[in-house]
Protein backbone atom coordinates (compact mmCIF):
# COMPACT_ATOMS: atom_id res chain seq x y z
CA MET A 1 -15.89 1.84 2.99
CA PRO A 2 -16.22 3.30 6.49
CA LEU A 3 -14.17 6.41 7.19
CA ILE A 4 -11.95 6.29 10.27
CA ALA A 5 -10.05 9.35 11.48
CA GLN A 6 -6.33 8.81 11.96
CA MET A 7 -6.00 11.76 14.32
CA PRO A 8 -5.59 12.52 17.13
CA GLU A 9 -4.52 9.10 18.42
CA LEU A 10 -2.17 8.00 15.64
CA PRO A 11 -0.25 10.89 14.03
CA ARG A 12 1.98 8.37 12.25
CA GLY A 13 -0.62 5.63 11.99
CA CYS A 14 -2.03 6.07 8.49
CA GLU A 15 -1.12 2.48 7.62
CA VAL A 16 -3.15 0.81 10.38
CA THR A 17 -5.96 3.37 10.10
CA SER A 18 -6.35 2.63 6.38
CA LEU A 19 -6.15 -1.07 7.11
CA ALA A 20 -8.91 -0.74 9.73
CA MET A 21 -11.17 0.87 7.12
CA LEU A 22 -10.48 -1.92 4.64
CA LEU A 23 -10.94 -4.69 7.21
CA ASN A 24 -14.20 -3.20 8.49
CA TYR A 25 -15.46 -3.00 4.91
CA ALA A 26 -14.62 -6.69 4.52
CA GLY A 27 -16.56 -7.59 7.68
CA ALA A 28 -13.76 -7.82 10.26
CA ALA A 29 -14.71 -5.86 13.39
CA VAL A 30 -11.36 -4.42 14.45
CA ASP A 31 -10.31 -0.86 15.23
CA LYS A 32 -7.18 1.11 14.41
CA MET A 33 -5.89 1.02 17.99
CA ARG A 34 -6.03 -2.79 18.10
CA LEU A 35 -4.18 -2.91 14.77
CA ALA A 36 -1.63 -0.44 16.13
CA GLU A 37 -0.98 -2.89 18.98
CA LYS A 38 -0.77 -5.93 16.70
CA ILE A 39 1.36 -4.63 13.81
CA LYS A 40 4.91 -5.98 13.82
CA LYS A 41 7.31 -3.40 15.22
CA SER A 42 10.95 -2.71 14.55
CA HIS A 43 12.93 -2.66 17.77
CA VAL A 44 15.98 -1.02 16.24
CA PRO A 45 16.64 2.23 18.12
CA TYR A 46 17.20 5.54 16.37
CA TYR A 47 20.73 6.92 16.54
CA LYS A 48 23.22 8.84 14.43
CA ILE A 49 26.86 8.00 13.84
CA LYS A 50 29.04 10.42 11.90
CA GLY A 51 25.93 12.12 10.47
CA LYS A 52 24.32 8.88 9.27
CA THR A 53 20.92 7.85 10.57
CA HIS A 54 20.62 4.30 11.90
CA PHE A 55 17.03 3.10 12.34
CA GLY A 56 14.71 0.19 11.63
CA ASP A 57 13.59 -1.22 8.30
CA PRO A 58 9.87 -0.52 7.61
CA ASN A 59 9.79 -3.65 5.43
CA GLY A 60 10.02 -5.68 8.64
CA GLY A 61 7.85 -3.71 11.05
CA PHE A 62 6.63 -0.30 12.15
CA VAL A 63 9.60 2.01 12.72
CA GLY A 64 9.51 4.45 15.63
CA SER A 65 6.62 6.15 17.35
CA MET A 66 3.13 5.87 15.88
CA THR A 67 1.43 7.94 18.58
CA GLY A 68 3.36 11.19 18.50
CA PHE A 69 6.01 13.31 16.87
CA GLN A 70 8.05 13.83 20.07
CA ASP A 71 10.00 10.65 19.26
CA PRO A 72 11.47 9.68 15.87
CA GLY A 73 9.46 7.50 13.55
CA LEU A 74 8.33 6.82 10.02
CA GLY A 75 5.85 4.00 9.46
CA VAL A 76 5.60 0.53 8.00
CA TYR A 77 5.61 -0.85 4.46
CA HIS A 78 3.30 -3.33 2.79
CA ARG A 79 4.61 -6.74 3.92
CA PRO A 80 3.79 -6.37 7.64
CA ILE A 81 0.42 -4.81 6.74
CA ALA A 82 -0.45 -7.69 4.40
CA GLU A 83 0.57 -10.17 7.09
CA LEU A 84 -1.68 -8.45 9.65
CA ALA A 85 -4.55 -8.29 7.15
CA ARG A 86 -4.22 -12.04 6.55
CA HIS A 87 -4.68 -12.58 10.28
CA TYR A 88 -8.25 -11.28 9.80
CA LEU A 89 -9.07 -12.19 6.21
CA GLY A 90 -6.86 -15.15 5.40
CA GLU A 91 -6.29 -15.86 1.72
CA ARG A 92 -8.76 -13.14 0.71
CA VAL A 93 -5.77 -10.79 0.96
CA VAL A 94 -3.91 -10.45 -2.35
CA ASP A 95 -0.64 -8.50 -2.46
CA LEU A 96 -0.58 -6.54 -5.74
CA THR A 97 2.86 -5.04 -5.11
CA GLY A 98 4.73 -4.67 -8.38
CA GLN A 99 1.62 -5.04 -10.52
CA THR A 100 0.65 -2.46 -13.10
CA PHE A 101 -1.73 0.37 -12.27
CA THR A 102 -4.23 -1.30 -14.59
CA VAL A 103 -4.35 -4.36 -12.30
CA ILE A 104 -5.03 -2.10 -9.32
CA GLU A 105 -7.79 -0.28 -11.24
CA GLU A 106 -9.34 -3.63 -12.20
CA SER A 107 -9.43 -4.65 -8.55
CA ILE A 108 -11.22 -1.45 -7.57
CA CYS A 109 -13.65 -1.65 -10.52
CA SER A 110 -14.46 -5.24 -9.51
CA GLY A 111 -15.50 -4.07 -6.06
CA ARG A 112 -12.32 -5.24 -4.32
CA PRO A 113 -10.79 -2.34 -2.39
CA VAL A 114 -7.05 -1.80 -2.28
CA TRP A 115 -4.63 -0.55 0.35
CA VAL A 116 -1.88 1.56 -1.21
CA ILE A 117 1.27 3.17 0.08
CA ASN A 118 2.58 6.02 -2.00
CA ASN A 119 3.98 9.48 -1.65
CA GLU A 120 1.65 12.36 -0.91
CA TRP A 121 2.21 13.90 -4.35
CA PHE A 122 1.23 10.76 -6.34
CA LYS A 123 4.22 11.24 -8.63
CA ARG A 124 7.98 10.66 -8.61
CA LEU A 125 9.61 12.69 -5.87
CA PRO A 126 12.80 14.66 -6.37
CA SER A 127 15.82 13.07 -4.71
CA LYS A 128 16.00 15.90 -2.16
CA TYR A 129 13.00 14.33 -0.37
CA PHE A 130 14.83 11.09 0.34
CA ARG A 131 17.20 10.17 3.16
CA THR A 132 19.34 7.07 3.44
CA TRP A 133 19.01 5.13 6.67
CA ILE A 134 21.33 2.39 7.77
CA THR A 135 18.95 -0.41 8.78
CA GLU A 136 19.46 -3.91 10.12
CA ASN A 137 19.08 -5.05 6.50
CA GLY A 138 21.45 -2.51 4.97
CA PRO A 139 21.02 1.00 3.56
CA LEU A 140 17.47 2.06 2.66
CA ASP A 141 16.26 5.25 0.98
CA ILE A 142 13.17 6.56 2.77
CA THR A 143 10.95 9.62 2.42
CA TYR A 144 8.86 11.39 5.02
CA LYS A 145 6.40 12.23 2.24
CA GLU A 146 4.86 8.75 2.28
CA HIS A 147 1.18 8.18 3.02
CA THR A 148 -1.28 5.29 2.91
CA ARG A 149 -4.85 5.13 1.69
CA SER A 150 -7.55 2.55 1.20
CA CYS A 151 -9.82 2.94 -1.78
């Protein structure tokens, strides 16, 4: 799989950078900046009311700024990424969300790369690393320790 540097252009763009690597491996000639333009975005603004953070839902689109840390942001979860991947690869994209780790290993061992979103420690995080946001779809526990990789 080709290696594509996330930095310096996309400090919060690990999701689209990893997707660019996977898509290039699969024969789709697209770069991370084009994917950053095309990924669904949340348009819910960041604000606080009585100490509670109100912000977008990463299940629906990229939340906040992807290009810098001067503005609030987080990232995007698997559904919008899978949707964007299908734009390039059609039904070749298989969403393994909720499957066992064995299924993911089998995919990799069969020569089919995977795109994963996980926390940077690769193990269950203590609750102190989570925050509850009020999103357009209700409360959501998020962590800033998330990261995405293609392998």
